Amino acid sequence: MRDFTVVGITGPSGSGKSTFVKYLLKLGFVCIDADVLARQVLCTDKECAIALKTAFGDDIILKSGEINRGLLAKRAFNSPAATKRLNDITHPRIFLQAFALIKKYISEGKRLIVFDAPVLFESNGDIICDFTVSVIADRDTRLERIMKRDNISRELALERFSAQHDDDYYISRSDFVVDGTDSEEYLTETAKIIRDKSIGRAGG
């Protein structure tokens, strides 16, 4: 048994995933944010940039050398095959960064680690986790949150929804399912349950 625990956190956009992670952080967890790692990879990994340029066109690289993330997203998410090409290029690099951070946290004496990854299951990121947690919420709540958070129209928010999985996808794959619309007391107590399970798995 390893002496640390990695908890995978995922869920559809607007479900309250980031909010629930904050409750875990208050209880002593440290967080590895897959979205942050993805941005770092796009900004700093030259081999990744070359691979993306080959796959999606020379013009996704700006004159400054940075990746035009908007154009990349438009091309990478217009078909399942294109999305797979993007994932095949970026996910291995993101995981290497995640492994490096896990090693760093362990060296610092941290034993409770959250891996916050919106596409945890799709990327097979759950293989590095001891157990997984999905945060879900009803469709209307998610829609309202996304519109407010990203300052977008209802139509654009609904368009995003069309590319996301339903709740059953997350429920069937998770060790824990959290209602992201419930009370602060519920979220606190649920976070404590996950903290206690994590401590037990890490050997106390």
N, C-alpha and C. Protein backbone atom coordinates (compact mmCIF):
# COMPACT_ATOMS: atom_id res chain seq x y z
N MET A 1 0.84 -1.21 0.00
CA MET A 1 0.00 0.00 0.00
C MET A 1 0.88 1.26 0.00
N ARG A 2 0.60 2.17 -0.94
CA ARG A 2 1.38 3.40 -0.94
C ARG A 2 0.89 4.32 0.17
N ASP A 3 1.78 5.22 0.61
CA ASP A 3 1.46 6.03 1.78
C ASP A 3 0.90 7.40 1.42
N PHE A 4 0.27 7.50 0.26
CA PHE A 4 -0.43 8.73 -0.13
C PHE A 4 -1.67 8.32 -0.92
N THR A 5 -2.59 9.26 -1.05
CA THR A 5 -3.83 8.98 -1.77
C THR A 5 -4.08 10.06 -2.81
N VAL A 6 -4.41 9.63 -4.03
CA VAL A 6 -4.81 10.55 -5.09
C VAL A 6 -6.30 10.35 -5.36
N VAL A 7 -7.05 11.43 -5.19
CA VAL A 7 -8.49 11.41 -5.41
C VAL A 7 -8.80 12.13 -6.71
N GLY A 8 -9.39 11.44 -7.67
CA GLY A 8 -9.77 12.06 -8.92
C GLY A 8 -11.12 12.74 -8.80
N ILE A 9 -11.18 14.00 -9.20
CA ILE A 9 -12.42 14.77 -9.16
C ILE A 9 -12.81 15.16 -10.57
N THR A 10 -14.06 14.88 -10.94
CA THR A 10 -14.52 15.24 -12.27
C THR A 10 -16.00 15.58 -12.23
N GLY A 11 -16.57 15.85 -13.38
CA GLY A 11 -17.99 16.20 -13.46
C GLY A 11 -18.23 17.13 -14.62
N PRO A 12 -19.47 17.26 -15.06
CA PRO A 12 -19.78 18.14 -16.19
C PRO A 12 -19.62 19.61 -15.83
N SER A 13 -19.47 20.43 -16.84
CA SER A 13 -19.28 21.86 -16.64
C SER A 13 -20.47 22.46 -15.89
N GLY A 14 -20.17 23.30 -14.89
CA GLY A 14 -21.22 23.97 -14.13
C GLY A 14 -21.78 23.16 -12.99
N SER A 15 -21.22 22.00 -12.72
CA SER A 15 -21.77 21.13 -11.68
C SER A 15 -21.37 21.56 -10.27
N GLY A 16 -20.32 22.36 -10.15
CA GLY A 16 -19.84 22.76 -8.83
C GLY A 16 -18.58 22.02 -8.42
N LYS A 17 -17.89 21.45 -9.38
CA LYS A 17 -16.68 20.68 -9.12
C LYS A 17 -15.61 21.52 -8.43
N SER A 18 -15.33 22.69 -8.97
CA SER A 18 -14.28 23.54 -8.39
C SER A 18 -14.63 23.98 -6.97
N THR A 19 -15.92 24.21 -6.73
CA THR A 19 -16.36 24.58 -5.39
C THR A 19 -16.11 23.45 -4.41
N PHE A 20 -16.43 22.22 -4.82
CA PHE A 20 -16.22 21.09 -3.92
C PHE A 20 -14.74 20.86 -3.66
N VAL A 21 -13.90 21.09 -4.65
CA VAL A 21 -12.46 20.96 -4.44
C VAL A 21 -12.00 21.90 -3.33
N LYS A 22 -12.58 23.09 -3.26
CA LYS A 22 -12.20 24.04 -2.21
C LYS A 22 -12.49 23.48 -0.82
N TYR A 23 -13.57 22.72 -0.68
CA TYR A 23 -13.87 22.10 0.62
C TYR A 23 -12.78 21.08 0.97
N LEU A 24 -12.30 20.37 -0.02
CA LEU A 24 -11.23 19.40 0.24
C LEU A 24 -9.92 20.10 0.61
N LEU A 25 -9.65 21.20 -0.04
CA LEU A 25 -8.43 21.95 0.26
C LEU A 25 -8.43 22.44 1.71
N LYS A 26 -9.59 22.81 2.22
CA LYS A 26 -9.70 23.25 3.60
C LYS A 26 -9.38 22.14 4.58
N LEU A 27 -9.51 20.89 4.12
CA LEU A 27 -9.27 19.73 4.99
C LEU A 27 -7.88 19.15 4.82
N GLY A 28 -7.01 19.86 4.11
CA GLY A 28 -5.62 19.43 4.04
C GLY A 28 -5.17 18.83 2.72
N PHE A 29 -6.04 18.77 1.74
CA PHE A 29 -5.64 18.27 0.43
C PHE A 29 -4.83 19.33 -0.32
N VAL A 30 -4.00 18.87 -1.23
CA VAL A 30 -3.40 19.75 -2.23
C VAL A 30 -3.97 19.36 -3.59
N CYS A 31 -3.97 20.29 -4.53
CA CYS A 31 -4.69 20.05 -5.80
C CYS A 31 -3.76 20.12 -7.00
N ILE A 32 -3.93 19.17 -7.90
CA ILE A 32 -3.32 19.21 -9.22
C ILE A 32 -4.45 19.47 -10.21
N ASP A 33 -4.39 20.61 -10.88
CA ASP A 33 -5.45 21.04 -11.78
C ASP A 33 -5.05 20.69 -13.22
N ALA A 34 -5.75 19.75 -13.83
CA ALA A 34 -5.42 19.32 -15.18
C ALA A 34 -5.56 20.44 -16.20
N ASP A 35 -6.51 21.35 -16.00
CA ASP A 35 -6.68 22.46 -16.93
C ASP A 35 -5.46 23.38 -16.91
N VAL A 36 -4.93 23.64 -15.70
CA VAL A 36 -3.73 24.46 -15.58
C VAL A 36 -2.55 23.77 -16.26
N LEU A 37 -2.41 22.48 -16.04
CA LEU A 37 -1.32 21.73 -16.67
C LEU A 37 -1.44 21.77 -18.19
N ALA A 38 -2.67 21.67 -18.70
CA ALA A 38 -2.89 21.71 -20.15
C ALA A 38 -2.44 23.05 -20.73
N ARG A 39 -2.77 24.12 -20.03
CA ARG A 39 -2.35 25.45 -20.50
C ARG A 39 -0.83 25.58 -20.48
N GLN A 40 -0.19 25.02 -19.45
CA GLN A 40 1.26 25.07 -19.37
C GLN A 40 1.90 24.29 -20.51
N VAL A 41 1.34 23.13 -20.81
CA VAL A 41 1.86 22.33 -21.91
C VAL A 41 1.76 23.09 -23.23
N LEU A 42 0.63 23.73 -23.46
CA LEU A 42 0.44 24.47 -24.70
C LEU A 42 1.38 25.67 -24.80
N CYS A 43 1.74 26.22 -23.66
CA CYS A 43 2.56 27.44 -23.65
C CYS A 43 4.06 27.15 -23.68
N THR A 44 4.48 26.01 -23.16
CA THR A 44 5.91 25.79 -22.94
C THR A 44 6.51 24.59 -23.67
N ASP A 45 5.70 23.65 -24.12
CA ASP A 45 6.23 22.43 -24.71
C ASP A 45 6.36 22.62 -26.23
N LYS A 46 7.60 22.83 -26.69
CA LYS A 46 7.83 23.09 -28.11
C LYS A 46 7.53 21.87 -28.97
N GLU A 47 7.86 20.67 -28.46
CA GLU A 47 7.57 19.46 -29.22
C GLU A 47 6.06 19.27 -29.38
N CYS A 48 5.32 19.63 -28.34
CA CYS A 48 3.86 19.57 -28.42
C CYS A 48 3.34 20.53 -29.47
N ALA A 49 3.90 21.73 -29.52
CA ALA A 49 3.47 22.73 -30.50
C ALA A 49 3.71 22.23 -31.92
N ILE A 50 4.86 21.59 -32.14
CA ILE A 50 5.18 21.07 -33.47
C ILE A 50 4.19 19.97 -33.86
N ALA A 51 3.88 19.09 -32.90
CA ALA A 51 2.94 18.01 -33.17
C ALA A 51 1.55 18.55 -33.47
N LEU A 52 1.14 19.57 -32.74
CA LEU A 52 -0.17 20.17 -32.97
C LEU A 52 -0.22 20.88 -34.32
N LYS A 53 0.86 21.55 -34.66
CA LYS A 53 0.92 22.24 -35.96
C LYS A 53 0.80 21.23 -37.10
N THR A 54 1.47 20.10 -36.95
CA THR A 54 1.41 19.05 -37.97
C THR A 54 -0.01 18.51 -38.10
N ALA A 55 -0.68 18.36 -36.96
CA ALA A 55 -2.01 17.76 -36.95
C ALA A 55 -3.11 18.73 -37.37
N PHE A 56 -2.95 20.02 -37.02
CA PHE A 56 -4.07 20.96 -37.18
C PHE A 56 -3.77 22.18 -38.03
N GLY A 57 -2.57 22.27 -38.58
CA GLY A 57 -2.27 23.36 -39.50
C GLY A 57 -1.25 24.34 -38.96
N ASP A 58 -0.40 24.85 -39.85
CA ASP A 58 0.65 25.78 -39.45
C ASP A 58 0.10 27.05 -38.81
N ASP A 59 -1.11 27.46 -39.23
CA ASP A 59 -1.63 28.74 -38.77
C ASP A 59 -2.14 28.72 -37.34
N ILE A 60 -2.11 27.57 -36.66
CA ILE A 60 -2.48 27.60 -35.24
C ILE A 60 -1.35 28.16 -34.38
N ILE A 61 -0.17 28.34 -34.98
CA ILE A 61 0.94 28.96 -34.27
C ILE A 61 1.01 30.43 -34.66
N LEU A 62 0.87 31.31 -33.68
CA LEU A 62 0.92 32.75 -33.93
C LEU A 62 2.36 33.21 -34.21
N LYS A 63 2.52 34.42 -34.72
CA LYS A 63 3.85 34.96 -34.99
C LYS A 63 4.69 35.03 -33.72
N SER A 64 4.03 35.17 -32.59
CA SER A 64 4.74 35.23 -31.31
C SER A 64 5.26 33.86 -30.87
N GLY A 65 4.83 32.82 -31.58
CA GLY A 65 5.22 31.47 -31.21
C GLY A 65 4.20 30.78 -30.32
N GLU A 66 3.22 31.54 -29.86
CA GLU A 66 2.18 30.96 -29.02
C GLU A 66 1.12 30.26 -29.87
N ILE A 67 0.42 29.34 -29.23
CA ILE A 67 -0.64 28.61 -29.92
C ILE A 67 -1.93 29.42 -29.88
N ASN A 68 -2.57 29.52 -31.01
CA ASN A 68 -3.89 30.16 -31.08
C ASN A 68 -4.90 29.15 -30.53
N ARG A 69 -5.19 29.25 -29.26
CA ARG A 69 -6.00 28.23 -28.59
C ARG A 69 -7.43 28.21 -29.12
N GLY A 70 -7.94 29.37 -29.52
CA GLY A 70 -9.29 29.42 -30.06
C GLY A 70 -9.39 28.66 -31.37
N LEU A 71 -8.42 28.89 -32.25
CA LEU A 71 -8.43 28.20 -33.54
C LEU A 71 -8.18 26.70 -33.35
N LEU A 72 -7.26 26.37 -32.43
CA LEU A 72 -7.00 24.96 -32.15
C LEU A 72 -8.27 24.27 -31.66
N ALA A 73 -8.97 24.91 -30.74
CA ALA A 73 -10.19 24.31 -30.19
C ALA A 73 -11.24 24.12 -31.29
N LYS A 74 -11.37 25.11 -32.17
CA LYS A 74 -12.36 25.03 -33.25
C LYS A 74 -12.10 23.83 -34.13
N ARG A 75 -10.82 23.58 -34.42
CA ARG A 75 -10.48 22.47 -35.30
C ARG A 75 -10.45 21.13 -34.57
N ALA A 76 -10.03 21.17 -33.31
CA ALA A 76 -9.87 19.92 -32.57
C ALA A 76 -11.18 19.33 -32.10
N PHE A 77 -12.20 20.18 -31.94
CA PHE A 77 -13.46 19.69 -31.41
C PHE A 77 -14.58 19.62 -32.45
N ASN A 78 -14.20 19.66 -33.73
CA ASN A 78 -15.23 19.59 -34.76
C ASN A 78 -15.56 18.16 -35.19
N SER A 79 -14.83 17.19 -34.62
CA SER A 79 -15.15 15.80 -34.90
C SER A 79 -14.49 14.92 -33.85
N PRO A 80 -15.03 13.76 -33.57
CA PRO A 80 -14.41 12.84 -32.60
C PRO A 80 -12.98 12.46 -32.99
N ALA A 81 -12.72 12.30 -34.28
CA ALA A 81 -11.38 11.93 -34.73
C ALA A 81 -10.38 13.04 -34.45
N ALA A 82 -10.81 14.29 -34.68
CA ALA A 82 -9.92 15.42 -34.42
C ALA A 82 -9.66 15.57 -32.93
N THR A 83 -10.69 15.37 -32.13
CA THR A 83 -10.53 15.44 -30.68
C THR A 83 -9.57 14.37 -30.20
N LYS A 84 -9.66 13.19 -30.76
CA LYS A 84 -8.74 12.11 -30.39
C LYS A 84 -7.31 12.48 -30.73
N ARG A 85 -7.09 13.12 -31.88
CA ARG A 85 -5.74 13.55 -32.24
C ARG A 85 -5.18 14.52 -31.22
N LEU A 86 -6.03 15.47 -30.81
CA LEU A 86 -5.60 16.44 -29.79
C LEU A 86 -5.25 15.72 -28.49
N ASN A 87 -6.13 14.83 -28.05
CA ASN A 87 -5.91 14.13 -26.79
C ASN A 87 -4.66 13.25 -26.84
N ASP A 88 -4.43 12.60 -27.98
CA ASP A 88 -3.26 11.74 -28.11
C ASP A 88 -1.96 12.54 -27.99
N ILE A 89 -2.01 13.78 -28.42
CA ILE A 89 -0.82 14.64 -28.34
C ILE A 89 -0.64 15.23 -26.95
N THR A 90 -1.72 15.71 -26.36
CA THR A 90 -1.59 16.48 -25.11
C THR A 90 -1.68 15.65 -23.83
N HIS A 91 -2.52 14.64 -23.79
CA HIS A 91 -2.73 13.92 -22.54
C HIS A 91 -1.48 13.27 -21.97
N PRO A 92 -0.65 12.61 -22.77
CA PRO A 92 0.57 12.04 -22.18
C PRO A 92 1.46 13.09 -21.53
N ARG A 93 1.51 14.26 -22.13
CA ARG A 93 2.33 15.34 -21.58
C ARG A 93 1.72 15.89 -20.28
N ILE A 94 0.40 15.97 -20.25
CA ILE A 94 -0.28 16.43 -19.03
C ILE A 94 -0.05 15.44 -17.90
N PHE A 95 -0.11 14.15 -18.21
CA PHE A 95 0.11 13.15 -17.17
C PHE A 95 1.53 13.19 -16.63
N LEU A 96 2.51 13.44 -17.51
CA LEU A 96 3.89 13.56 -17.04
C LEU A 96 4.02 14.71 -16.05
N GLN A 97 3.36 15.82 -16.35
CA GLN A 97 3.37 16.96 -15.44
C GLN A 97 2.68 16.61 -14.12
N ALA A 98 1.57 15.86 -14.22
CA ALA A 98 0.86 15.46 -13.01
C ALA A 98 1.71 14.54 -12.15
N PHE A 99 2.39 13.59 -12.77
CA PHE A 99 3.27 12.69 -12.02
C PHE A 99 4.38 13.47 -11.33
N ALA A 100 4.93 14.46 -12.01
CA ALA A 100 6.00 15.28 -11.43
C ALA A 100 5.49 16.04 -10.20
N LEU A 101 4.27 16.56 -10.29
CA LEU A 101 3.70 17.27 -9.15
C LEU A 101 3.39 16.33 -7.99
N ILE A 102 2.90 15.14 -8.30
CA ILE A 102 2.66 14.15 -7.24
C ILE A 102 3.96 13.85 -6.51
N LYS A 103 5.01 13.62 -7.26
CA LYS A 103 6.32 13.35 -6.66
C LYS A 103 6.78 14.52 -5.79
N LYS A 104 6.58 15.74 -6.29
CA LYS A 104 6.97 16.94 -5.54
C LYS A 104 6.19 17.03 -4.23
N TYR A 105 4.87 16.83 -4.30
CA TYR A 105 4.05 16.93 -3.09
C TYR A 105 4.45 15.87 -2.06
N ILE A 106 4.73 14.66 -2.54
CA ILE A 106 5.13 13.59 -1.62
C ILE A 106 6.44 13.95 -0.93
N SER A 107 7.38 14.53 -1.68
CA SER A 107 8.66 14.93 -1.10
C SER A 107 8.50 16.01 -0.04
N GLU A 108 7.41 16.76 -0.15
CA GLU A 108 7.12 17.83 0.82
C GLU A 108 6.28 17.33 1.99
N GLY A 109 6.00 16.03 2.00
CA GLY A 109 5.23 15.45 3.10
C GLY A 109 3.73 15.49 2.91
N LYS A 110 3.28 15.88 1.71
CA LYS A 110 1.84 15.90 1.45
C LYS A 110 1.38 14.48 1.13
N ARG A 111 0.25 14.08 1.68
CA ARG A 111 -0.24 12.72 1.49
C ARG A 111 -1.65 12.65 0.91
N LEU A 112 -2.35 13.78 0.87
CA LEU A 112 -3.72 13.83 0.34
C LEU A 112 -3.73 14.74 -0.88
N ILE A 113 -3.95 14.14 -2.05
CA ILE A 113 -3.81 14.86 -3.31
C ILE A 113 -5.09 14.74 -4.13
N VAL A 114 -5.57 15.86 -4.63
CA VAL A 114 -6.71 15.89 -5.54
C VAL A 114 -6.20 16.06 -6.96
N PHE A 115 -6.68 15.23 -7.86
CA PHE A 115 -6.41 15.41 -9.29
C PHE A 115 -7.71 15.88 -9.93
N ASP A 116 -7.78 17.18 -10.18
CA ASP A 116 -8.99 17.84 -10.70
C ASP A 116 -8.93 17.82 -12.23
N ALA A 117 -9.76 16.94 -12.84
CA ALA A 117 -9.67 16.74 -14.28
C ALA A 117 -11.05 16.62 -14.90
N PRO A 118 -11.49 17.60 -15.66
CA PRO A 118 -12.82 17.55 -16.28
C PRO A 118 -13.02 16.33 -17.18
N VAL A 119 -11.95 15.85 -17.82
CA VAL A 119 -12.07 14.67 -18.69
C VAL A 119 -11.30 13.50 -18.07
N LEU A 120 -11.50 13.31 -16.79
CA LEU A 120 -10.77 12.27 -16.05
C LEU A 120 -10.96 10.90 -16.67
N PHE A 121 -12.21 10.52 -16.91
CA PHE A 121 -12.50 9.18 -17.43
C PHE A 121 -12.16 9.08 -18.92
N GLU A 122 -12.48 10.12 -19.67
CA GLU A 122 -12.24 10.09 -21.11
C GLU A 122 -10.74 9.94 -21.43
N SER A 123 -9.90 10.51 -20.57
CA SER A 123 -8.45 10.47 -20.79
C SER A 123 -7.78 9.29 -20.10
N ASN A 124 -8.59 8.46 -19.42
CA ASN A 124 -8.07 7.36 -18.61
C ASN A 124 -7.21 7.85 -17.45
N GLY A 125 -7.45 9.11 -17.05
CA GLY A 125 -6.70 9.67 -15.93
C GLY A 125 -7.03 9.02 -14.60
N ASP A 126 -8.16 8.30 -14.56
CA ASP A 126 -8.52 7.64 -13.31
C ASP A 126 -7.56 6.52 -12.94
N ILE A 127 -6.70 6.09 -13.86
CA ILE A 127 -5.78 5.00 -13.54
C ILE A 127 -4.73 5.44 -12.52
N ILE A 128 -4.51 6.74 -12.36
CA ILE A 128 -3.53 7.19 -11.37
C ILE A 128 -4.20 7.52 -10.04
N CYS A 129 -5.52 7.32 -9.97
CA CYS A 129 -6.28 7.69 -8.78
C CYS A 129 -6.60 6.46 -7.92
N ASP A 130 -6.62 6.66 -6.62
CA ASP A 130 -7.03 5.59 -5.71
C ASP A 130 -8.53 5.42 -5.71
N PHE A 131 -9.25 6.51 -5.84
CA PHE A 131 -10.69 6.46 -6.07
C PHE A 131 -11.14 7.77 -6.70
N THR A 132 -12.37 7.76 -7.21
CA THR A 132 -12.85 8.90 -7.99
C THR A 132 -14.14 9.47 -7.43
N VAL A 133 -14.31 10.77 -7.65
CA VAL A 133 -15.49 11.50 -7.19
C VAL A 133 -16.04 12.30 -8.36
N SER A 134 -17.32 12.16 -8.64
CA SER A 134 -17.97 12.98 -9.66
C SER A 134 -18.94 13.94 -8.98
N VAL A 135 -18.87 15.20 -9.37
CA VAL A 135 -19.80 16.22 -8.88
C VAL A 135 -20.82 16.47 -9.99
N ILE A 136 -22.09 16.32 -9.67
CA ILE A 136 -23.14 16.51 -10.67
C ILE A 136 -24.15 17.54 -10.18
N ALA A 137 -24.95 18.04 -11.10
CA ALA A 137 -26.00 19.02 -10.77
C ALA A 137 -27.06 18.95 -11.86
N ASP A 138 -28.24 19.44 -11.53
CA ASP A 138 -29.31 19.42 -12.52
C ASP A 138 -28.99 20.38 -13.67
N ARG A 139 -29.60 20.10 -14.79
CA ARG A 139 -29.29 20.82 -16.03
C ARG A 139 -29.53 22.32 -15.93
N ASP A 140 -30.64 22.74 -15.33
CA ASP A 140 -30.96 24.17 -15.26
C ASP A 140 -29.93 24.92 -14.42
N THR A 141 -29.52 24.31 -13.31
CA THR A 141 -28.51 24.95 -12.45
C THR A 141 -27.19 25.10 -13.19
N ARG A 142 -26.79 24.04 -13.87
CA ARG A 142 -25.54 24.08 -14.62
C ARG A 142 -25.60 25.15 -15.71
N LEU A 143 -26.72 25.21 -16.40
CA LEU A 143 -26.88 26.19 -17.47
C LEU A 143 -26.74 27.61 -16.94
N GLU A 144 -27.41 27.90 -15.84
CA GLU A 144 -27.34 29.23 -15.24
C GLU A 144 -25.92 29.56 -14.80
N ARG A 145 -25.25 28.61 -14.18
CA ARG A 145 -23.89 28.83 -13.69
C ARG A 145 -22.93 29.12 -14.84
N ILE A 146 -23.04 28.35 -15.91
CA ILE A 146 -22.13 28.52 -17.05
C ILE A 146 -22.35 29.87 -17.71
N MET A 147 -23.61 30.27 -17.89
CA MET A 147 -23.90 31.55 -18.51
C MET A 147 -23.32 32.70 -17.69
N LYS A 148 -23.45 32.61 -16.37
CA LYS A 148 -22.95 33.66 -15.49
C LYS A 148 -21.43 33.64 -15.42
N ARG A 149 -20.86 32.44 -15.26
CA ARG A 149 -19.41 32.31 -15.09
C ARG A 149 -18.65 32.77 -16.32
N ASP A 150 -19.12 32.35 -17.51
CA ASP A 150 -18.40 32.62 -18.75
C ASP A 150 -18.97 33.78 -19.54
N ASN A 151 -20.04 34.39 -19.01
CA ASN A 151 -20.67 35.53 -19.65
C ASN A 151 -21.03 35.21 -21.11
N ILE A 152 -21.76 34.11 -21.27
CA ILE A 152 -22.15 33.67 -22.61
C ILE A 152 -23.67 33.56 -22.70
N SER A 153 -24.15 33.45 -23.92
CA SER A 153 -25.59 33.35 -24.15
C SER A 153 -26.09 31.95 -23.80
N ARG A 154 -27.40 31.86 -23.67
CA ARG A 154 -28.02 30.55 -23.41
C ARG A 154 -27.76 29.59 -24.57
N GLU A 155 -27.79 30.12 -25.79
CA GLU A 155 -27.59 29.29 -26.97
C GLU A 155 -26.19 28.67 -26.97
N LEU A 156 -25.18 29.48 -26.63
CA LEU A 156 -23.81 28.97 -26.61
C LEU A 156 -23.63 27.96 -25.48
N ALA A 157 -24.26 28.24 -24.35
CA ALA A 157 -24.17 27.30 -23.23
C ALA A 157 -24.80 25.96 -23.60
N LEU A 158 -25.94 26.01 -24.28
CA LEU A 158 -26.60 24.77 -24.71
C LEU A 158 -25.76 24.02 -25.74
N GLU A 159 -25.04 24.77 -26.56
CA GLU A 159 -24.16 24.14 -27.54
C GLU A 159 -23.05 23.36 -26.83
N ARG A 160 -22.53 23.92 -25.76
CA ARG A 160 -21.51 23.23 -24.98
C ARG A 160 -22.09 21.96 -24.35
N PHE A 161 -23.30 22.06 -23.88
CA PHE A 161 -23.95 20.91 -23.25
C PHE A 161 -24.04 19.73 -24.22
N SER A 162 -24.26 20.03 -25.49
CA SER A 162 -24.47 18.96 -26.47
C SER A 162 -23.25 18.07 -26.62
N ALA A 163 -22.08 18.57 -26.22
CA ALA A 163 -20.85 17.81 -26.35
C ALA A 163 -20.46 17.09 -25.06
N GLN A 164 -21.31 17.21 -24.02
CA GLN A 164 -20.97 16.64 -22.72
C GLN A 164 -21.79 15.38 -22.43
N HIS A 165 -21.25 14.58 -21.52
CA HIS A 165 -21.92 13.35 -21.11
C HIS A 165 -23.07 13.65 -20.16
N ASP A 166 -24.01 12.71 -20.07
CA ASP A 166 -25.08 12.86 -19.08
C ASP A 166 -24.61 12.35 -17.72
N ASP A 167 -25.44 12.54 -16.71
CA ASP A 167 -25.06 12.19 -15.34
C ASP A 167 -24.73 10.70 -15.20
N ASP A 168 -25.45 9.86 -15.92
CA ASP A 168 -25.23 8.41 -15.79
C ASP A 168 -23.80 8.02 -16.14
N TYR A 169 -23.21 8.74 -17.07
CA TYR A 169 -21.83 8.47 -17.47
C TYR A 169 -20.91 8.58 -16.25
N TYR A 170 -21.11 9.65 -15.48
CA TYR A 170 -20.26 9.89 -14.31
C TYR A 170 -20.63 8.95 -13.15
N ILE A 171 -21.92 8.79 -12.92
CA ILE A 171 -22.37 7.97 -11.80
C ILE A 171 -21.87 6.54 -11.92
N SER A 172 -21.92 5.99 -13.12
CA SER A 172 -21.55 4.59 -13.33
C SER A 172 -20.05 4.35 -13.19
N ARG A 173 -19.24 5.40 -13.23
CA ARG A 173 -17.79 5.24 -13.21
C ARG A 173 -17.15 5.70 -11.91
N SER A 174 -17.92 6.26 -11.00
CA SER A 174 -17.36 6.91 -9.82
C SER A 174 -17.52 6.09 -8.55
N ASP A 175 -16.57 6.28 -7.65
CA ASP A 175 -16.68 5.70 -6.32
C ASP A 175 -17.59 6.54 -5.42
N PHE A 176 -17.57 7.85 -5.64
CA PHE A 176 -18.44 8.78 -4.91
C PHE A 176 -19.14 9.69 -5.91
N VAL A 177 -20.38 10.03 -5.63
CA VAL A 177 -21.10 11.02 -6.42
C VAL A 177 -21.58 12.12 -5.48
N VAL A 178 -21.28 13.36 -5.81
CA VAL A 178 -21.60 14.51 -4.95
C VAL A 178 -22.61 15.40 -5.66
N ASP A 179 -23.64 15.80 -4.94
CA ASP A 179 -24.64 16.74 -5.47
C ASP A 179 -24.10 18.16 -5.30
N GLY A 180 -23.71 18.77 -6.40
CA GLY A 180 -23.12 20.10 -6.36
C GLY A 180 -24.09 21.22 -6.10
N THR A 181 -25.37 20.90 -5.89
CA THR A 181 -26.37 21.92 -5.60
C THR A 181 -26.80 21.89 -4.13
N ASP A 182 -26.26 20.95 -3.37
CA ASP A 182 -26.70 20.78 -1.99
C ASP A 182 -26.08 21.83 -1.07
N SER A 183 -26.42 21.75 0.21
CA SER A 183 -26.05 22.77 1.18
C SER A 183 -24.56 22.75 1.52
N GLU A 184 -24.11 23.83 2.13
CA GLU A 184 -22.73 23.92 2.60
C GLU A 184 -22.45 22.82 3.62
N GLU A 185 -23.43 22.54 4.47
CA GLU A 185 -23.25 21.49 5.48
C GLU A 185 -23.04 20.13 4.81
N TYR A 186 -23.85 19.85 3.80
CA TYR A 186 -23.71 18.58 3.07
C TYR A 186 -22.34 18.48 2.41
N LEU A 187 -21.91 19.54 1.73
CA LEU A 187 -20.63 19.51 1.04
C LEU A 187 -19.47 19.36 2.02
N THR A 188 -19.58 20.02 3.16
CA THR A 188 -18.55 19.90 4.20
C THR A 188 -18.46 18.48 4.72
N GLU A 189 -19.60 17.89 5.04
CA GLU A 189 -19.61 16.54 5.60
C GLU A 189 -19.15 15.51 4.57
N THR A 190 -19.54 15.71 3.32
CA THR A 190 -19.11 14.79 2.26
C THR A 190 -17.60 14.89 2.05
N ALA A 191 -17.08 16.11 2.10
CA ALA A 191 -15.63 16.30 1.98
C ALA A 191 -14.89 15.60 3.13
N LYS A 192 -15.47 15.64 4.33
CA LYS A 192 -14.84 14.97 5.47
C LYS A 192 -14.84 13.45 5.30
N ILE A 193 -15.92 12.92 4.74
CA ILE A 193 -15.98 11.48 4.48
C ILE A 193 -14.87 11.07 3.51
N ILE A 194 -14.69 11.87 2.47
CA ILE A 194 -13.65 11.57 1.49
C ILE A 194 -12.27 11.76 2.11
N ARG A 195 -12.11 12.78 2.95
CA ARG A 195 -10.84 12.97 3.66
C ARG A 195 -10.52 11.76 4.53
N ASP A 196 -11.50 11.28 5.28
CA ASP A 196 -11.27 10.15 6.18
C ASP A 196 -10.93 8.88 5.40
N LYS A 197 -11.63 8.66 4.30
CA LYS A 197 -11.32 7.50 3.47
C LYS A 197 -9.91 7.61 2.89
N SER A 198 -9.53 8.81 2.51
CA SER A 198 -8.20 9.04 1.95
C SER A 198 -7.11 8.78 2.98
N ILE A 199 -7.34 9.25 4.18
CA ILE A 199 -6.35 9.03 5.25
C ILE A 199 -6.21 7.54 5.54
N GLY A 200 -7.35 6.85 5.58
CA GLY A 200 -7.32 5.40 5.81
C GLY A 200 -6.57 4.66 4.73
N ARG A 201 -6.77 5.07 3.47
CA ARG A 201 -6.10 4.40 2.36
C ARG A 201 -4.61 4.71 2.37
N ALA A 202 -4.25 5.90 2.85
CA ALA A 202 -2.83 6.29 2.88
C ALA A 202 -2.11 5.71 4.09
N GLY A 203 -2.80 4.92 4.87
CA GLY A 203 -2.17 4.29 6.01
C GLY A 203 -2.14 5.13 7.25
N GLY A 204 -3.12 6.10 7.33
CA GLY A 204 -3.21 6.92 8.54
C GLY A 204 -2.31 8.11 8.51
